[in-house]
Amino acid sequence: MKKVLLIGGSGYIGSRLSKYLAENGYEVFVLCRSIPKNNSWKSLISGFIVGDITKNEVFDKLLDKKFDIAIHLVSLNNQDSEGDPDYVSSVNVLPTWNILRLLTKNGLKKFIYFSTIHVYGTLPNTIINEDFVTAPQNAYGLTHLLSENICNYFNETSKIDCVNIRLSNSYGSPILMDTDCWWLVLNDFCKTAYQKEKITIKSDGSPLRDFIHWSDIESAIELIIDNSKHNVYHVASGETLSILELAYKVQDVYYKRFNKQIRIELPEEVKKSKLKETEKYTLSIDRLIDIGFEKNNGIDFGINELFDYFENSSK
């Protein structure tokens, strides 16, 4: 049985991924700042390492630990990454170096780093593959690119197979009740649709996103664990939607499910002007498909999954 360490394994994606791997034959260990209270999830985890990855003390707890695979999911979000550079780098960059330096000595075989498509910066109207030039336009993208380069360094200078995951926009319900995932745009749209019977868009609706459900992230990561041919992969759906198109999708699923029309609210200045028509980029997922990836759950499934969550939570 392969031993896998999830760094940030109690977070939004981490808790889902740790559960999935534990249920699919992996011995799962979680590094987190505190142990959640969810007993059914905790029962699946083989062990917890509690600590703050910005502090040296947590690395002392890893000194005698051996893992086959480590998956690094810890990062500040986009907004918080614009804060004090010393603090931001202490979360987004330095732990990647410290963890790899330590686990290299302990016989680690594979390291998977969760990066972001923000490393590309502004995306043009074309197909974007993993060889597309990186030009981050914010600290979030920059610090992830720095950590990617650390992974590349260890990939070249050690025996660890380091893989960078450029994640698009994840969505879907959380496992742990106190998970902060409602700032994610699709999660937010579904929540306000269910609770307030409306969707509020703060922009003109033209920003573009590629949305991937957590269940497809799980299957993609398992494939990469077993058979990665490259050191960079897009984990994405390969379908691009504008924010306004997304709102219409949620509105449509809500109507089919509850037989009620909800309204979409746009800023007043947008209502008075013509909505922009934006040309779209496409994130290539050919590398994932090449190792066996099949997208199982489309956007309608994911929206319904979130509505299921709200209905079950209200009972």
C-alpha atoms as a PDB file:
ATOM      1  CA  MET A   1       0.000   0.000   0.000  1.00  0.00           C
ATOM      2  CA  LYS A   2       1.419   3.373  -1.044  1.00  0.00           C
ATOM      3  CA  LYS A   3       1.827   5.969   1.687  1.00  0.00           C
ATOM      4  CA  VAL A   4       0.754   9.463   0.660  1.00  0.00           C
ATOM      5  CA  LEU A   5       1.150  12.724   2.570  1.00  0.00           C
ATOM      6  CA  LEU A   6      -1.294  15.517   1.800  1.00  0.00           C
ATOM      7  CA  ILE A   7       0.100  18.876   2.885  1.00  0.00           C
ATOM      8  CA  GLY A   8      -3.036  20.919   3.476  1.00  0.00           C
ATOM      9  CA  GLY A   9      -5.106  17.741   3.418  1.00  0.00           C
ATOM     10  CA  SER A  10      -7.892  19.225   5.551  1.00  0.00           C
ATOM     11  CA  GLY A  11      -8.601  22.086   3.136  1.00  0.00           C
ATOM     12  CA  TYR A  12     -11.322  22.278   0.497  1.00  0.00           C
ATOM     13  CA  ILE A  13      -9.638  20.164  -2.188  1.00  0.00           C
ATOM     14  CA  GLY A  14      -7.333  18.382   0.244  1.00  0.00           C
ATOM     15  CA  SER A  15     -10.138  16.885   2.340  1.00  0.00           C
ATOM     16  CA  ARG A  16     -11.897  15.607  -0.771  1.00  0.00           C
ATOM     17  CA  LEU A  17      -8.678  14.207  -2.224  1.00  0.00           C
ATOM     18  CA  SER A  18      -7.569  12.579   1.033  1.00  0.00           C
ATOM     19  CA  LYS A  19     -10.946  10.849   1.353  1.00  0.00           C
ATOM     20  CA  TYR A  20     -10.842   9.667  -2.248  1.00  0.00           C
ATOM     21  CA  LEU A  21      -7.318   8.270  -2.004  1.00  0.00           C
ATOM     22  CA  ALA A  22      -8.013   6.557   1.338  1.00  0.00           C
ATOM     23  CA  GLU A  23     -11.069   4.868  -0.172  1.00  0.00           C
ATOM     24  CA  ASN A  24      -9.032   3.760  -3.184  1.00  0.00           C
ATOM     25  CA  GLY A  25      -6.248   1.836  -1.528  1.00  0.00           C
ATOM     26  CA  TYR A  26      -3.777   4.488  -0.324  1.00  0.00           C
ATOM     27  CA  GLU A  27      -2.501   4.907   3.223  1.00  0.00           C
ATOM     28  CA  VAL A  28      -3.209   8.597   3.737  1.00  0.00           C
ATOM     29  CA  PHE A  29      -1.511  11.001   6.150  1.00  0.00           C
ATOM     30  CA  VAL A  30      -2.537  14.641   6.498  1.00  0.00           C
ATOM     31  CA  LEU A  31      -0.420  17.635   7.481  1.00  0.00           C
ATOM     32  CA  CYS A  32      -2.690  20.413   8.748  1.00  0.00           C
ATOM     33  CA  ARG A  33      -2.800  23.255  11.266  1.00  0.00           C
ATOM     34  CA  SER A  34      -5.535  21.582  13.354  1.00  0.00           C
ATOM     35  CA  ILE A  35      -7.478  18.345  13.139  1.00  0.00           C
ATOM     36  CA  PRO A  36     -11.091  18.815  11.979  1.00  0.00           C
ATOM     37  CA  LYS A  37     -13.956  17.399  14.041  1.00  0.00           C
ATOM     38  CA  ASN A  38     -15.527  15.345  11.234  1.00  0.00           C
ATOM     39  CA  ASN A  39     -15.273  11.789  12.612  1.00  0.00           C
ATOM     40  CA  SER A  40     -16.290   9.944   9.440  1.00  0.00           C
ATOM     41  CA  TRP A  41     -13.543  11.721   7.484  1.00  0.00           C
ATOM     42  CA  LYS A  42     -10.974  11.340  10.280  1.00  0.00           C
ATOM     43  CA  SER A  43     -11.590   7.597  10.443  1.00  0.00           C
ATOM     44  CA  LEU A  44     -10.198   7.257   6.912  1.00  0.00           C
ATOM     45  CA  ILE A  45      -6.917   9.013   7.711  1.00  0.00           C
ATOM     46  CA  SER A  46      -3.972   6.896   8.883  1.00  0.00           C
ATOM     47  CA  GLY A  47      -2.269   9.728  10.734  1.00  0.00           C
ATOM     48  CA  PHE A  48      -2.129  13.484  11.291  1.00  0.00           C
ATOM     49  CA  ILE A  49       0.878  15.768  11.485  1.00  0.00           C
ATOM     50  CA  VAL A  50      -0.270  18.987  13.124  1.00  0.00           C
ATOM     51  CA  GLY A  51       1.652  22.195  12.581  1.00  0.00           C
ATOM     52  CA  ASP A  52       2.156  25.427  10.696  1.00  0.00           C
ATOM     53  CA  ILE A  53       4.267  24.996   7.542  1.00  0.00           C
ATOM     54  CA  THR A  54       5.691  28.486   8.017  1.00  0.00           C
ATOM     55  CA  LYS A  55       7.336  27.258  11.260  1.00  0.00           C
ATOM     56  CA  ASN A  56      10.401  25.035  11.511  1.00  0.00           C
ATOM     57  CA  GLU A  57       8.801  22.915  14.232  1.00  0.00           C
ATOM     58  CA  VAL A  58       6.545  21.165  11.751  1.00  0.00           C
ATOM     59  CA  PHE A  59       9.526  19.928   9.752  1.00  0.00           C
ATOM     60  CA  ASP A  60      10.970  18.328  12.885  1.00  0.00           C
ATOM     61  CA  LYS A  61       7.829  16.169  12.970  1.00  0.00           C
ATOM     62  CA  LEU A  62       8.615  14.959   9.424  1.00  0.00           C
ATOM     63  CA  LEU A  63      12.242  14.031  10.073  1.00  0.00           C
ATOM     64  CA  ASP A  64      11.618  10.324  10.661  1.00  0.00           C
ATOM     65  CA  LYS A  65       8.604   9.980   8.345  1.00  0.00           C
ATOM     66  CA  LYS A  66       8.776   8.149   5.015  1.00  0.00           C
ATOM     67  CA  PHE A  67       6.214   8.550   2.247  1.00  0.00           C
ATOM     68  CA  ASP A  68       5.944   7.334  -1.324  1.00  0.00           C
ATOM     69  CA  ILE A  69       3.985  10.373  -2.503  1.00  0.00           C
ATOM     70  CA  ALA A  70       3.507  13.918  -1.217  1.00  0.00           C
ATOM     71  CA  ILE A  71       0.819  16.284  -2.522  1.00  0.00           C
ATOM     72  CA  HIS A  72       1.269  19.960  -1.644  1.00  0.00           C
ATOM     73  CA  LEU A  73      -1.973  21.986  -1.587  1.00  0.00           C
ATOM     74  CA  VAL A  74      -1.212  24.858   0.800  1.00  0.00           C
ATOM     75  CA  SER A  75      -1.431  28.387  -0.565  1.00  0.00           C
ATOM     76  CA  LEU A  76      -2.925  31.746   0.269  1.00  0.00           C
ATOM     77  CA  ASN A  77      -5.816  32.678  -1.991  1.00  0.00           C
ATOM     78  CA  ASN A  78      -5.562  35.263  -4.760  1.00  0.00           C
ATOM     79  CA  GLN A  79      -6.516  38.241  -2.597  1.00  0.00           C
ATOM     80  CA  ASP A  80      -4.386  37.331   0.427  1.00  0.00           C
ATOM     81  CA  SER A  81      -1.362  36.745  -1.816  1.00  0.00           C
ATOM     82  CA  GLU A  82      -1.231  40.496  -2.418  1.00  0.00           C
ATOM     83  CA  GLY A  83      -0.193  41.089   1.200  1.00  0.00           C
ATOM     84  CA  ASP A  84       3.196  41.470   2.873  1.00  0.00           C
ATOM     85  CA  PRO A  85       5.809  39.788   0.602  1.00  0.00           C
ATOM     86  CA  ASP A  86       7.673  38.160   3.505  1.00  0.00           C
ATOM     87  CA  TYR A  87       4.518  36.527   4.798  1.00  0.00           C
ATOM     88  CA  VAL A  88       3.234  35.577   1.341  1.00  0.00           C
ATOM     89  CA  SER A  89       6.500  33.884   0.411  1.00  0.00           C
ATOM     90  CA  SER A  90       6.573  32.122   3.812  1.00  0.00           C
ATOM     91  CA  VAL A  91       3.300  30.391   2.845  1.00  0.00           C
ATOM     92  CA  ASN A  92       3.361  30.146  -0.956  1.00  0.00           C
ATOM     93  CA  VAL A  93       7.050  29.537  -1.699  1.00  0.00           C
ATOM     94  CA  LEU A  94       9.421  28.566   1.128  1.00  0.00           C
ATOM     95  CA  PRO A  95       7.473  25.486   2.324  1.00  0.00           C
ATOM     96  CA  THR A  96       7.802  23.941  -1.136  1.00  0.00           C
ATOM     97  CA  TRP A  97      11.585  24.190  -0.887  1.00  0.00           C
ATOM     98  CA  ASN A  98      11.728  23.018   2.736  1.00  0.00           C
ATOM     99  CA  ILE A  99       9.427  20.038   2.240  1.00  0.00           C
ATOM    100  CA  LEU A 100      11.240  18.835  -0.864  1.00  0.00           C
ATOM    101  CA  ARG A 101      14.643  19.292   0.752  1.00  0.00           C
ATOM    102  CA  LEU A 102      13.549  17.204   3.741  1.00  0.00           C
ATOM    103  CA  LEU A 103      11.598  14.474   1.951  1.00  0.00           C
ATOM    104  CA  THR A 104      14.345  14.003  -0.641  1.00  0.00           C
ATOM    105  CA  LYS A 105      16.427  12.531   2.173  1.00  0.00           C
ATOM    106  CA  ASN A 106      13.581  10.214   3.211  1.00  0.00           C
ATOM    107  CA  GLY A 107      13.139   8.367  -0.085  1.00  0.00           C
ATOM    108  CA  LEU A 108      10.107  10.201  -1.466  1.00  0.00           C
ATOM    109  CA  LYS A 109       9.241   8.969  -4.972  1.00  0.00           C
ATOM    110  CA  LYS A 110       6.713  11.532  -6.251  1.00  0.00           C
ATOM    111  CA  PHE A 111       5.847  15.121  -5.326  1.00  0.00           C
ATOM    112  CA  ILE A 112       2.721  16.764  -6.755  1.00  0.00           C
ATOM    113  CA  TYR A 113       2.455  20.533  -6.427  1.00  0.00           C
ATOM    114  CA  PHE A 114      -0.888  22.294  -6.874  1.00  0.00           C
ATOM    115  CA  SER A 115      -0.169  25.405  -8.913  1.00  0.00           C
ATOM    116  CA  THR A 116      -2.610  27.577 -10.877  1.00  0.00           C
ATOM    117  CA  ILE A 117      -3.375  28.778 -14.388  1.00  0.00           C
ATOM    118  CA  HIS A 118      -2.637  32.272 -13.024  1.00  0.00           C
ATOM    119  CA  VAL A 119       1.023  31.575 -13.870  1.00  0.00           C
ATOM    120  CA  TYR A 120       0.104  32.466 -17.474  1.00  0.00           C
ATOM    121  CA  GLY A 121      -1.228  35.919 -16.702  1.00  0.00           C
ATOM    122  CA  THR A 122      -3.650  37.284 -19.313  1.00  0.00           C
ATOM    123  CA  LEU A 123      -4.764  34.540 -21.673  1.00  0.00           C
ATOM    124  CA  PRO A 124      -5.320  35.274 -25.375  1.00  0.00           C
ATOM    125  CA  ASN A 125      -8.001  33.836 -27.632  1.00  0.00           C
ATOM    126  CA  THR A 126      -6.256  30.567 -28.474  1.00  0.00           C
ATOM    127  CA  ILE A 127      -5.664  27.043 -27.225  1.00  0.00           C
ATOM    128  CA  ILE A 128      -3.365  27.158 -24.194  1.00  0.00           C
ATOM    129  CA  ASN A 129      -1.195  24.093 -23.628  1.00  0.00           C
ATOM    130  CA  GLU A 130       1.334  23.520 -20.881  1.00  0.00           C
ATOM    131  CA  ASP A 131       4.183  24.905 -23.015  1.00  0.00           C
ATOM    132  CA  PHE A 132       2.520  28.321 -23.310  1.00  0.00           C
ATOM    133  CA  VAL A 133       4.711  31.172 -22.035  1.00  0.00           C
ATOM    134  CA  THR A 134       4.235  32.042 -18.360  1.00  0.00           C
ATOM    135  CA  ALA A 135       3.816  35.740 -17.516  1.00  0.00           C
ATOM    136  CA  PRO A 136       2.044  36.114 -14.153  1.00  0.00           C
ATOM    137  CA  GLN A 137       0.259  39.397 -13.557  1.00  0.00           C
ATOM    138  CA  ASN A 138      -0.242  39.112  -9.803  1.00  0.00           C
ATOM    139  CA  ALA A 139       1.550  37.834  -6.712  1.00  0.00           C
ATOM    140  CA  TYR A 140      -0.635  34.734  -6.602  1.00  0.00           C
ATOM    141  CA  GLY A 141       0.555  33.619 -10.032  1.00  0.00           C
ATOM    142  CA  LEU A 142       4.134  34.741  -9.409  1.00  0.00           C
ATOM    143  CA  THR A 143       4.574  32.843  -6.151  1.00  0.00           C
ATOM    144  CA  HIS A 144       3.105  29.689  -7.657  1.00  0.00           C
ATOM    145  CA  LEU A 145       5.493  29.959 -10.586  1.00  0.00           C
ATOM    146  CA  LEU A 146       8.382  30.291  -8.130  1.00  0.00           C
ATOM    147  CA  SER A 147       7.257  27.100  -6.400  1.00  0.00           C
ATOM    148  CA  GLU A 148       6.913  25.390  -9.781  1.00  0.00           C
ATOM    149  CA  ASN A 149      10.535  26.267 -10.482  1.00  0.00           C
ATOM    150  CA  ILE A 150      11.582  24.797  -7.134  1.00  0.00           C
ATOM    151  CA  CYS A 151       9.823  21.589  -8.145  1.00  0.00           C
ATOM    152  CA  ASN A 152      11.585  21.661 -11.504  1.00  0.00           C
ATOM    153  CA  TYR A 153      14.921  22.051  -9.731  1.00  0.00           C
ATOM    154  CA  PHE A 154      14.321  18.989  -7.555  1.00  0.00           C
ATOM    155  CA  ASN A 155      12.985  17.088 -10.538  1.00  0.00           C
ATOM    156  CA  GLU A 156      16.353  17.612 -12.234  1.00  0.00           C
ATOM    157  CA  THR A 157      18.670  17.239  -9.235  1.00  0.00           C
ATOM    158  CA  SER A 158      17.043  14.462  -7.179  1.00  0.00           C
ATOM    159  CA  LYS A 159      15.335  11.113  -7.690  1.00  0.00           C
ATOM    160  CA  ILE A 160      11.904  12.583  -6.930  1.00  0.00           C
ATOM    161  CA  ASP A 161       9.419  12.770  -9.783  1.00  0.00           C
ATOM    162  CA  CYS A 162       8.027  16.301  -9.316  1.00  0.00           C
ATOM    163  CA  VAL A 163       4.810  17.216 -11.113  1.00  0.00           C
ATOM    164  CA  ASN A 164       3.207  20.677 -11.282  1.00  0.00           C
ATOM    165  CA  ILE A 165      -0.594  20.794 -11.464  1.00  0.00           C
ATOM    166  CA  ARG A 166      -1.958  23.964 -13.053  1.00  0.00           C
ATOM    167  CA  LEU A 167      -5.470  23.950 -11.663  1.00  0.00           C
ATOM    168  CA  SER A 168      -8.250  25.964 -13.253  1.00  0.00           C
ATOM    169  CA  ASN A 169     -11.336  26.890 -11.175  1.00  0.00           C
ATOM    170  CA  SER A 170     -12.532  24.163  -8.838  1.00  0.00           C
ATOM    171  CA  TYR A 171     -16.047  23.946  -7.473  1.00  0.00           C
ATOM    172  CA  GLY A 172     -18.436  21.635  -5.645  1.00  0.00           C
ATOM    173  CA  SER A 173     -19.554  20.982  -2.095  1.00  0.00           C
ATOM    174  CA  PRO A 174     -17.115  20.685   0.831  1.00  0.00           C
ATOM    175  CA  ILE A 175     -16.727  17.696   3.149  1.00  0.00           C
ATOM    176  CA  LEU A 176     -15.877  19.722   6.247  1.00  0.00           C
ATOM    177  CA  MET A 177     -18.489  22.220   7.409  1.00  0.00           C
ATOM    178  CA  ASP A 178     -16.078  25.042   8.258  1.00  0.00           C
ATOM    179  CA  THR A 179     -14.274  24.913   4.896  1.00  0.00           C
ATOM    180  CA  ASP A 180     -13.957  28.361   3.320  1.00  0.00           C
ATOM    181  CA  CYS A 181     -15.052  27.618  -0.248  1.00  0.00           C
ATOM    182  CA  TRP A 182     -17.992  29.945  -0.774  1.00  0.00           C
ATOM    183  CA  TRP A 183     -15.879  32.695  -2.313  1.00  0.00           C
ATOM    184  CA  LEU A 184     -15.438  30.386  -5.332  1.00  0.00           C
ATOM    185  CA  VAL A 185     -17.652  31.914  -7.994  1.00  0.00           C
ATOM    186  CA  LEU A 186     -19.726  28.878  -8.963  1.00  0.00           C
ATOM    187  CA  ASN A 187     -20.166  27.838  -5.324  1.00  0.00           C
ATOM    188  CA  ASP A 188     -21.253  31.395  -4.529  1.00  0.00           C
ATOM    189  CA  PHE A 189     -23.757  31.526  -7.411  1.00  0.00           C
ATOM    190  CA  CYS A 190     -25.367  28.255  -6.329  1.00  0.00           C
ATOM    191  CA  LYS A 191     -25.489  29.312  -2.690  1.00  0.00           C
ATOM    192  CA  THR A 192     -27.164  32.664  -3.378  1.00  0.00           C
ATOM    193  CA  ALA A 193     -29.509  31.046  -5.899  1.00  0.00           C
ATOM    194  CA  TYR A 194     -30.619  28.507  -3.304  1.00  0.00           C
ATOM    195  CA  GLN A 195     -30.771  30.841  -0.307  1.00  0.00           C
ATOM    196  CA  LYS A 196     -31.847  34.136  -1.902  1.00  0.00           C
ATOM    197  CA  GLU A 197     -33.369  33.065  -5.234  1.00  0.00           C
ATOM    198  CA  LYS A 198     -31.077  35.391  -7.138  1.00  0.00           C
ATOM    199  CA  ILE A 199     -27.558  35.595  -8.556  1.00  0.00           C
ATOM    200  CA  THR A 200     -25.590  38.818  -8.162  1.00  0.00           C
ATOM    201  CA  ILE A 201     -22.788  39.557 -10.634  1.00  0.00           C
ATOM    202  CA  LYS A 202     -20.417  42.330  -9.592  1.00  0.00           C
ATOM    203  CA  SER A 203     -18.631  42.613 -12.947  1.00  0.00           C
ATOM    204  CA  ASP A 204     -19.991  43.053 -16.470  1.00  0.00           C
ATOM    205  CA  GLY A 205     -20.174  39.258 -16.761  1.00  0.00           C
ATOM    206  CA  SER A 206     -17.433  38.975 -19.372  1.00  0.00           C
ATOM    207  CA  PRO A 207     -14.518  37.436 -17.336  1.00  0.00           C
ATOM    208  CA  LEU A 208     -13.746  33.916 -18.497  1.00  0.00           C
ATOM    209  CA  ARG A 209     -13.214  30.791 -16.407  1.00  0.00           C
ATOM    210  CA  ASP A 210     -12.681  27.071 -16.864  1.00  0.00           C
ATOM    211  CA  PHE A 211     -14.576  25.162 -14.160  1.00  0.00           C
ATOM    212  CA  ILE A 212     -13.735  21.647 -12.971  1.00  0.00           C
ATOM    213  CA  HIS A 213     -15.686  19.679 -10.369  1.00  0.00           C
ATOM    214  CA  TRP A 214     -13.805  18.181  -7.417  1.00  0.00           C
ATOM    215  CA  SER A 215     -14.696  14.643  -8.552  1.00  0.00           C
ATOM    216  CA  ASP A 216     -12.824  15.150 -11.830  1.00  0.00           C
ATOM    217  CA  ILE A 217      -9.865  16.612  -9.925  1.00  0.00           C
ATOM    218  CA  GLU A 218      -9.728  13.415  -7.873  1.00  0.00           C
ATOM    219  CA  SER A 219      -9.622  11.111 -10.879  1.00  0.00           C
ATOM    220  CA  ALA A 220      -7.047  13.322 -12.633  1.00  0.00           C
ATOM    221  CA  ILE A 221      -4.705  13.239  -9.636  1.00  0.00           C
ATOM    222  CA  GLU A 222      -4.948   9.457  -9.320  1.00  0.00           C
ATOM    223  CA  LEU A 223      -3.954   9.120 -12.976  1.00  0.00           C
ATOM    224  CA  ILE A 224      -1.012  11.473 -12.468  1.00  0.00           C
ATOM    225  CA  ILE A 225       0.102   9.497  -9.417  1.00  0.00           C
ATOM    226  CA  ASP A 226       0.095   6.275 -11.414  1.00  0.00           C
ATOM    227  CA  ASN A 227       1.346   7.352 -14.819  1.00  0.00           C
ATOM    228  CA  SER A 228       2.658  10.886 -15.326  1.00  0.00           C
ATOM    229  CA  LYS A 229       4.596  11.391 -18.564  1.00  0.00           C
ATOM    230  CA  HIS A 230       5.236  15.116 -18.080  1.00  0.00           C
ATOM    231  CA  ASN A 231       6.126  17.407 -15.196  1.00  0.00           C
ATOM    232  CA  VAL A 232       3.315  19.907 -15.908  1.00  0.00           C
ATOM    233  CA  TYR A 233      -0.392  19.159 -16.350  1.00  0.00           C
ATOM    234  CA  HIS A 234      -3.504  21.259 -16.698  1.00  0.00           C
ATOM    235  CA  VAL A 235      -6.228  19.961 -14.423  1.00  0.00           C
ATOM    236  CA  ALA A 236      -9.195  21.609 -16.058  1.00  0.00           C
ATOM    237  CA  SER A 237     -12.384  20.830 -17.958  1.00  0.00           C
ATOM    238  CA  GLY A 238     -11.249  22.183 -21.324  1.00  0.00           C
ATOM    239  CA  GLU A 239     -14.456  24.263 -21.523  1.00  0.00           C
ATOM    240  CA  THR A 240     -14.443  28.042 -21.052  1.00  0.00           C
ATOM    241  CA  LEU A 241     -17.476  30.010 -19.872  1.00  0.00           C
ATOM    242  CA  SER A 242     -18.020  33.682 -19.175  1.00  0.00           C
ATOM    243  CA  ILE A 243     -19.308  34.610 -15.726  1.00  0.00           C
ATOM    244  CA  LEU A 244     -22.631  35.620 -17.294  1.00  0.00           C
ATOM    245  CA  GLU A 245     -22.902  32.292 -19.143  1.00  0.00           C
ATOM    246  CA  LEU A 246     -22.229  30.553 -15.843  1.00  0.00           C
ATOM    247  CA  ALA A 247     -25.032  32.508 -14.158  1.00  0.00           C
ATOM    248  CA  TYR A 248     -27.416  31.449 -16.951  1.00  0.00           C
ATOM    249  CA  LYS A 249     -26.360  27.814 -16.413  1.00  0.00           C
ATOM    250  CA  VAL A 250     -27.176  28.029 -12.695  1.00  0.00           C
ATOM    251  CA  GLN A 251     -30.453  29.809 -13.491  1.00  0.00           C
ATOM    252  CA  ASP A 252     -31.413  27.065 -15.962  1.00  0.00           C
ATOM    253  CA  VAL A 253     -30.586  24.162 -13.624  1.00  0.00           C
ATOM    254  CA  TYR A 254     -32.448  25.902 -10.783  1.00  0.00           C
ATOM    255  CA  TYR A 255     -35.557  26.291 -12.958  1.00  0.00           C
ATOM    256  CA  LYS A 256     -35.512  22.641 -14.081  1.00  0.00           C
ATOM    257  CA  ARG A 257     -35.031  21.472 -10.502  1.00  0.00           C
ATOM    258  CA  PHE A 258     -37.363  23.777  -8.569  1.00  0.00           C
ATOM    259  CA  ASN A 259     -39.715  25.016 -11.324  1.00  0.00           C
ATOM    260  CA  LYS A 260     -39.031  28.607 -10.351  1.00  0.00           C
ATOM    261  CA  GLN A 261     -37.284  31.408 -12.232  1.00  0.00           C
ATOM    262  CA  ILE A 262     -34.562  33.270 -10.340  1.00  0.00           C
ATOM    263  CA  ARG A 263     -33.215  36.662 -11.350  1.00  0.00           C
ATOM    264  CA  ILE A 264     -29.682  37.585 -12.365  1.00  0.00           C
ATOM    265  CA  GLU A 265     -28.574  40.989 -11.067  1.00  0.00           C
ATOM    266  CA  LEU A 266     -25.948  43.018 -12.917  1.00  0.00           C
ATOM    267  CA  PRO A 267     -24.465  46.422 -11.985  1.00  0.00           C
ATOM    268  CA  GLU A 268     -26.636  49.348 -13.098  1.00  0.00           C
ATOM    269  CA  GLU A 269     -23.998  50.678 -15.494  1.00  0.00           C
ATOM    270  CA  VAL A 270     -23.861  47.305 -17.249  1.00  0.00           C
ATOM    271  CA  LYS A 271     -27.631  47.118 -17.605  1.00  0.00           C
ATOM    272  CA  LYS A 272     -27.580  50.435 -19.463  1.00  0.00           C
ATOM    273  CA  SER A 273     -24.860  49.392 -21.888  1.00  0.00           C
ATOM    274  CA  LYS A 274     -24.346  46.522 -24.260  1.00  0.00           C
ATOM    275  CA  LEU A 275     -22.770  43.485 -22.643  1.00  0.00           C
ATOM    276  CA  LYS A 276     -19.316  42.673 -23.927  1.00  0.00           C
ATOM    277  CA  GLU A 277     -18.796  39.688 -26.178  1.00  0.00           C
ATOM    278  CA  THR A 278     -15.453  38.185 -25.234  1.00  0.00           C
ATOM    279  CA  GLU A 279     -13.388  35.862 -27.397  1.00  0.00           C
ATOM    280  CA  LYS A 280     -12.443  32.736 -25.488  1.00  0.00           C
ATOM    281  CA  TYR A 281      -9.263  30.888 -24.655  1.00  0.00           C
ATOM    282  CA  THR A 282      -9.295  27.107 -24.193  1.00  0.00           C
ATOM    283  CA  LEU A 283      -7.148  25.227 -21.700  1.00  0.00           C
ATOM    284  CA  SER A 284      -5.834  22.113 -23.411  1.00  0.00           C
ATOM    285  CA  ILE A 285      -6.242  18.903 -21.416  1.00  0.00           C
ATOM    286  CA  ASP A 286      -4.626  16.690 -24.081  1.00  0.00           C
ATOM    287  CA  ARG A 287      -1.866  15.624 -21.705  1.00  0.00           C
ATOM    288  CA  LEU A 288      -4.435  14.422 -19.181  1.00  0.00           C
ATOM    289  CA  ILE A 289      -6.438  12.630 -21.851  1.00  0.00           C
ATOM    290  CA  ASP A 290      -3.228  10.942 -23.019  1.00  0.00           C
ATOM    291  CA  ILE A 291      -2.899   9.196 -19.631  1.00  0.00           C
ATOM    292  CA  GLY A 292      -6.537   8.126 -19.572  1.00  0.00           C
ATOM    293  CA  PHE A 293      -8.517  11.080 -18.210  1.00  0.00           C
ATOM    294  CA  GLU A 294     -12.218  11.234 -19.011  1.00  0.00           C
ATOM    295  CA  LYS A 295     -14.304  14.112 -17.733  1.00  0.00           C
ATOM    296  CA  ASN A 296     -17.181  12.385 -15.966  1.00  0.00           C
ATOM    297  CA  ASN A 297     -19.163  15.288 -14.609  1.00  0.00           C
ATOM    298  CA  GLY A 298     -20.276  18.295 -16.601  1.00  0.00           C
ATOM    299  CA  ILE A 299     -21.347  21.662 -15.259  1.00  0.00           C
ATOM    300  CA  ASP A 300     -25.030  20.697 -14.860  1.00  0.00           C
ATOM    301  CA  PHE A 301     -24.055  17.717 -12.693  1.00  0.00           C
ATOM    302  CA  GLY A 302     -21.857  19.942 -10.519  1.00  0.00           C
ATOM    303  CA  ILE A 303     -24.571  22.565 -10.035  1.00  0.00           C
ATOM    304  CA  ASN A 304     -27.064  19.869  -9.038  1.00  0.00           C
ATOM    305  CA  GLU A 305     -24.484  18.390  -6.645  1.00  0.00           C
ATOM    306  CA  LEU A 306     -24.250  21.761  -4.900  1.00  0.00           C
ATOM    307  CA  PHE A 307     -28.051  22.059  -4.698  1.00  0.00           C
ATOM    308  CA  ASP A 308     -28.128  18.543  -3.202  1.00  0.00           C
ATOM    309  CA  TYR A 309     -25.658  19.743  -0.576  1.00  0.00           C
ATOM    310  CA  PHE A 310     -27.789  22.765   0.385  1.00  0.00           C
ATOM    311  CA  GLU A 311     -30.953  20.678   0.566  1.00  0.00           C
ATOM    312  CA  ASN A 312     -29.299  18.051   2.765  1.00  0.00           C
ATOM    313  CA  SER A 313     -27.709  20.713   4.982  1.00  0.00           C
ATOM    314  CA  SER A 314     -31.058  22.388   5.620  1.00  0.00           C
ATOM    315  CA  LYS A 315     -32.711  19.168   6.840  1.00  0.00           C
END
